[in-house]
């Protein structure tokens, strides 16, 4: 198992920014595919962004966040970040960090990932 802990959520006004962090333990993250998902009230968990292992397998974003969110990994700190800018009320959700053991050409579905954090709440007011 790979414990994942998210932080950085909070309340922000529309147009604002937040940076979410996900710290992994027990493994070296350079060997993990990492991703972010979110779940809004009353909706299913959906893909937000993903990034391949240190070898540069892929970098992907949901259409709804392209140009606004950026995923960054810092393997020296066993951490992956989600930089969120130009936030909209529809971005309100619990954001989950996810990890997959080993490389994959693309990972954009829940079934692509093996491990999950507990989530951090992001609320964007209008």
Protein backbone atom coordinates (compact mmCIF):
# COMPACT_ATOMS: atom_id res chain seq x y z
CA UNK A 1 0.00 0.00 0.00
CA UNK A 2 1.02 3.60 -0.66
CA UNK A 3 -0.28 6.11 1.91
CA UNK A 4 -1.19 9.44 0.30
CA UNK A 5 -2.00 12.62 2.23
CA UNK A 6 -3.50 15.70 0.56
CA UNK A 7 -3.44 19.25 1.87
CA UNK A 8 -3.95 22.81 0.65
CA UNK A 9 -7.69 22.93 0.18
CA UNK A 10 -9.82 25.79 1.42
CA UNK A 11 -12.26 28.54 0.56
CA UNK A 12 -11.42 30.91 -2.28
CA UNK A 13 -13.33 33.42 -4.39
CA UNK A 14 -13.88 32.90 -8.10
CA UNK A 15 -10.77 33.88 -10.03
CA UNK A 16 -8.48 33.00 -7.15
CA UNK A 17 -5.78 30.36 -6.82
CA UNK A 18 -4.88 27.41 -4.62
CA UNK A 19 -2.08 24.86 -4.60
CA UNK A 20 -2.88 21.36 -3.46
CA UNK A 21 -0.16 19.03 -2.22
CA UNK A 22 -0.01 15.26 -2.04
CA UNK A 23 2.74 13.54 -0.06
CA UNK A 24 3.42 9.85 -0.54
CA UNK A 25 5.20 7.60 1.92
CA UNK A 26 6.79 4.16 1.93
CA UNK A 27 7.76 4.43 -1.76
CA UNK A 28 9.85 6.66 -3.99
CA UNK A 29 7.43 8.66 -6.11
CA UNK A 30 9.64 8.73 -9.21
CA UNK A 31 8.36 5.22 -9.89
CA UNK A 32 4.69 6.17 -9.51
CA UNK A 33 2.16 7.52 -11.95
CA UNK A 34 0.32 10.28 -10.07
CA UNK A 35 -3.08 11.86 -10.56
CA UNK A 36 -5.76 14.13 -9.17
CA UNK A 37 -9.49 13.48 -9.15
CA UNK A 38 -12.38 15.45 -7.70
CA UNK A 39 -15.87 14.70 -6.50
CA UNK A 40 -18.51 17.43 -6.35
CA UNK A 41 -21.62 17.13 -4.15
CA UNK A 42 -24.01 14.58 -5.61
CA UNK A 43 -21.66 13.62 -8.44
CA UNK A 44 -19.23 10.82 -9.23
CA UNK A 45 -15.49 11.17 -8.85
CA UNK A 46 -13.95 12.56 -12.04
CA UNK A 47 -10.47 12.86 -13.49
CA UNK A 48 -8.72 16.23 -13.20
CA UNK A 49 -5.06 15.72 -14.06
CA UNK A 50 -2.38 13.06 -14.25
CA UNK A 51 1.36 12.80 -14.77
CA UNK A 52 3.53 9.82 -15.59
CA UNK A 53 6.61 8.56 -13.81
CA UNK A 54 9.93 10.41 -13.85
CA UNK A 55 10.56 9.00 -17.34
CA UNK A 56 7.91 11.36 -18.75
CA UNK A 57 5.22 8.94 -19.86
CA UNK A 58 2.46 11.56 -20.14
CA UNK A 59 0.81 14.68 -18.75
CA UNK A 60 -2.95 15.00 -19.04
CA UNK A 61 -5.76 17.36 -18.06
CA UNK A 62 -9.52 17.25 -18.18
CA UNK A 63 -10.92 19.67 -20.76
CA UNK A 64 -12.63 21.62 -17.99
CA UNK A 65 -9.32 22.58 -16.35
CA UNK A 66 -6.93 22.92 -19.31
CA UNK A 67 -5.08 26.23 -19.20
CA UNK A 68 -6.03 26.79 -15.55
CA UNK A 69 -4.56 23.87 -13.60
CA UNK A 70 -1.01 22.54 -13.67
CA UNK A 71 0.26 19.28 -12.20
CA UNK A 72 3.84 19.28 -10.92
CA UNK A 73 5.88 16.55 -9.29
CA UNK A 74 8.83 16.96 -6.95
CA UNK A 75 10.21 13.48 -6.47
CA UNK A 76 12.94 14.73 -4.11
CA UNK A 77 10.12 15.55 -1.67
CA UNK A 78 7.88 12.61 -2.60
CA UNK A 79 5.23 15.19 -3.45
CA UNK A 80 2.92 16.03 -6.33
CA UNK A 81 1.17 19.39 -6.58
CA UNK A 82 -1.92 20.67 -8.33
CA UNK A 83 -1.60 24.39 -9.01
CA UNK A 84 -5.10 25.76 -9.52
CA UNK A 85 -5.68 29.23 -11.00
CA UNK A 86 -8.69 31.14 -12.31
CA UNK A 87 -10.91 29.04 -10.09
CA UNK A 88 -14.61 28.80 -10.86
CA UNK A 89 -17.56 27.84 -8.63
CA UNK A 90 -17.88 24.62 -10.63
CA UNK A 91 -14.42 23.62 -9.39
CA UNK A 92 -15.91 23.16 -5.91
CA UNK A 93 -15.30 19.55 -4.87
CA UNK A 94 -13.30 17.23 -2.68
CA UNK A 95 -9.99 16.69 -4.44
CA UNK A 96 -8.28 13.31 -4.18
CA UNK A 97 -4.70 12.35 -4.89
CA UNK A 98 -4.15 9.00 -6.59
CA UNK A 99 -1.16 6.84 -7.46
CA UNK A 100 -0.40 3.91 -9.73
CA UNK A 101 2.57 1.59 -9.46
CA UNK A 102 4.74 1.80 -12.55
CA UNK A 103 4.41 3.52 -15.91
CA UNK A 104 1.46 3.75 -18.26
CA UNK A 105 1.07 5.61 -21.54
CA UNK A 106 -1.93 7.45 -20.10
CA UNK A 107 -3.93 7.25 -16.88
CA UNK A 108 -7.22 9.16 -16.85
CA UNK A 109 -9.69 6.74 -15.29
CA UNK A 110 -10.28 5.71 -11.68
CA UNK A 111 -9.47 2.13 -12.61
CA UNK A 112 -6.01 3.23 -13.78
CA UNK A 113 -4.99 3.99 -10.19
CA UNK A 114 -4.25 1.71 -7.25
CA UNK A 115 -3.97 4.03 -4.24
CA UNK A 116 -6.01 6.98 -2.97
CA UNK A 117 -5.77 9.73 -0.40
CA UNK A 118 -8.60 10.84 1.86
CA UNK A 119 -9.30 14.09 0.01
CA UNK A 120 -9.13 17.82 0.67
CA UNK A 121 -12.07 20.20 0.26
CA UNK A 122 -11.92 23.05 -2.24
CA UNK A 123 -14.77 25.55 -2.17
CA UNK A 124 -14.99 28.37 -4.71
CA UNK A 125 -17.50 31.13 -4.04
CA UNK A 126 -19.10 33.22 -6.77
